[in-house]
Amino acid sequence: MNGEDFSTLGLEFGAGQNPVYLVRTLPEKLLRPDGEAAFGRWQGGLIGVLGEQAEDANDAAQQWASGDDS
C-alpha cells in the first residue's frame, strides 16, 4: 500500500467511516512487492461488486496470515 492510501485509510477510520467499508475496499489498495496491484478494482452492479470485494478481502487476509503473496 502506498503512503497516501495508508494515510487516507487512517483518516477515514478516525473520522468514523464504516469499518466494513474500509475492510471491503482495502484489497484494491494493496500492492505486491514489485509495486503491481495485488487486487483489481471492481465495477458493475452493487451485489456483484460487494461479493467480489468480500472475496478479495478474504483472499488478502489468508495470504497475509500465511505469508503467501501469490
C-alpha atoms as a PDB file:
ATOM      1  CA  MET A   1       0.000   0.000   0.000  1.00  0.00           C
ATOM      2  CA  ASN A   2       1.396   3.386  -0.818  1.00  0.00           C
ATOM      3  CA  GLY A   3       1.757   6.080   1.837  1.00  0.00           C
ATOM      4  CA  GLU A   4      -1.108   8.220   0.583  1.00  0.00           C
ATOM      5  CA  ASP A   5      -3.578   5.305   0.717  1.00  0.00           C
ATOM      6  CA  PHE A   6      -2.316   4.369   4.199  1.00  0.00           C
ATOM      7  CA  SER A   7      -2.796   7.937   5.418  1.00  0.00           C
ATOM      8  CA  THR A   8      -6.253   8.169   3.873  1.00  0.00           C
ATOM      9  CA  LEU A   9      -7.251   4.871   5.490  1.00  0.00           C
ATOM     10  CA  GLY A  10      -6.203   6.200   8.899  1.00  0.00           C
ATOM     11  CA  LEU A  11      -8.023   9.496   8.391  1.00  0.00           C
ATOM     12  CA  GLU A  12     -11.212   7.750   7.259  1.00  0.00           C
ATOM     13  CA  PHE A  13     -11.097   5.357  10.211  1.00  0.00           C
ATOM     14  CA  GLY A  14     -10.511   8.244  12.605  1.00  0.00           C
ATOM     15  CA  ALA A  15     -13.420  10.156  11.083  1.00  0.00           C
ATOM     16  CA  GLY A  16     -15.773   7.253  11.792  1.00  0.00           C
ATOM     17  CA  GLN A  17     -16.002   5.668   8.344  1.00  0.00           C
ATOM     18  CA  ASN A  18     -17.791   2.322   8.403  1.00  0.00           C
ATOM     19  CA  PRO A  19     -15.075  -0.284   9.160  1.00  0.00           C
ATOM     20  CA  VAL A  20     -16.817  -2.852   6.946  1.00  0.00           C
ATOM     21  CA  TYR A  21     -16.402  -0.461   4.009  1.00  0.00           C
ATOM     22  CA  LEU A  22     -12.739   0.077   4.890  1.00  0.00           C
ATOM     23  CA  VAL A  23     -12.034  -3.667   5.042  1.00  0.00           C
ATOM     24  CA  ARG A  24     -14.057  -4.308   1.892  1.00  0.00           C
ATOM     25  CA  THR A  25     -12.095  -1.738  -0.122  1.00  0.00           C
ATOM     26  CA  LEU A  26      -8.658  -2.408   1.428  1.00  0.00           C
ATOM     27  CA  PRO A  27      -7.502  -5.076  -1.073  1.00  0.00           C
ATOM     28  CA  GLU A  28      -7.781  -2.716  -4.050  1.00  0.00           C
ATOM     29  CA  LYS A  29      -5.178  -0.505  -2.344  1.00  0.00           C
ATOM     30  CA  LEU A  30      -2.669  -3.298  -1.702  1.00  0.00           C
ATOM     31  CA  LEU A  31       0.484  -3.664  -3.776  1.00  0.00           C
ATOM     32  CA  ARG A  32       2.764  -6.622  -4.466  1.00  0.00           C
ATOM     33  CA  PRO A  33       6.489  -6.266  -3.641  1.00  0.00           C
ATOM     34  CA  ASP A  34       7.146  -5.261  -7.268  1.00  0.00           C
ATOM     35  CA  GLY A  35       4.636  -2.373  -6.954  1.00  0.00           C
ATOM     36  CA  GLU A  36       1.938  -4.029  -9.050  1.00  0.00           C
ATOM     37  CA  ALA A  37      -1.645  -4.002  -7.769  1.00  0.00           C
ATOM     38  CA  ALA A  38      -2.369  -7.112  -5.695  1.00  0.00           C
ATOM     39  CA  PHE A  39      -6.106  -6.986  -6.465  1.00  0.00           C
ATOM     40  CA  GLY A  40      -8.255  -5.237  -9.031  1.00  0.00           C
ATOM     41  CA  ARG A  41     -10.962  -2.618  -8.622  1.00  0.00           C
ATOM     42  CA  TRP A  42     -14.433  -3.948  -9.288  1.00  0.00           C
ATOM     43  CA  GLN A  43     -17.143  -2.188 -11.255  1.00  0.00           C
ATOM     44  CA  GLY A  44     -20.692  -3.135 -12.068  1.00  0.00           C
ATOM     45  CA  GLY A  45     -23.780  -3.922 -10.061  1.00  0.00           C
ATOM     46  CA  LEU A  46     -23.735  -3.429  -6.307  1.00  0.00           C
ATOM     47  CA  ILE A  47     -24.325  -7.067  -5.353  1.00  0.00           C
ATOM     48  CA  GLY A  48     -21.644  -8.347  -7.721  1.00  0.00           C
ATOM     49  CA  VAL A  49     -19.096  -5.750  -6.610  1.00  0.00           C
ATOM     50  CA  LEU A  50     -19.760  -6.431  -2.919  1.00  0.00           C
ATOM     51  CA  GLY A  51     -19.293 -10.160  -3.473  1.00  0.00           C
ATOM     52  CA  GLU A  52     -16.018  -9.741  -5.359  1.00  0.00           C
ATOM     53  CA  GLN A  53     -14.674  -7.254  -2.801  1.00  0.00           C
ATOM     54  CA  ALA A  54     -15.553  -9.627   0.045  1.00  0.00           C
ATOM     55  CA  GLU A  55     -13.761 -12.457  -1.758  1.00  0.00           C
ATOM     56  CA  ASP A  56     -10.691 -10.237  -2.290  1.00  0.00           C
ATOM     57  CA  ALA A  57     -10.693  -9.227   1.393  1.00  0.00           C
ATOM     58  CA  ASN A  58     -10.838 -12.887   2.399  1.00  0.00           C
ATOM     59  CA  ASP A  59      -8.028 -13.789  -0.022  1.00  0.00           C
ATOM     60  CA  ALA A  60      -5.885 -10.886   1.223  1.00  0.00           C
ATOM     61  CA  ALA A  61      -6.382 -11.933   4.852  1.00  0.00           C
ATOM     62  CA  GLN A  62      -5.483 -15.558   4.060  1.00  0.00           C
ATOM     63  CA  GLN A  63      -2.372 -14.507   2.130  1.00  0.00           C
ATOM     64  CA  TRP A  64      -1.297 -12.182   4.936  1.00  0.00           C
ATOM     65  CA  ALA A  65      -1.836 -14.831   7.622  1.00  0.00           C
ATOM     66  CA  SER A  66       0.033 -17.486   5.654  1.00  0.00           C
ATOM     67  CA  GLY A  67       2.831 -15.213   4.430  1.00  0.00           C
ATOM     68  CA  ASP A  68       1.975 -16.145   0.827  1.00  0.00           C
ATOM     69  CA  ASP A  69       1.985 -13.154  -1.530  1.00  0.00           C
ATOM     70  CA  SER A  70       0.981 -15.034  -4.688  1.00  0.00           C
END
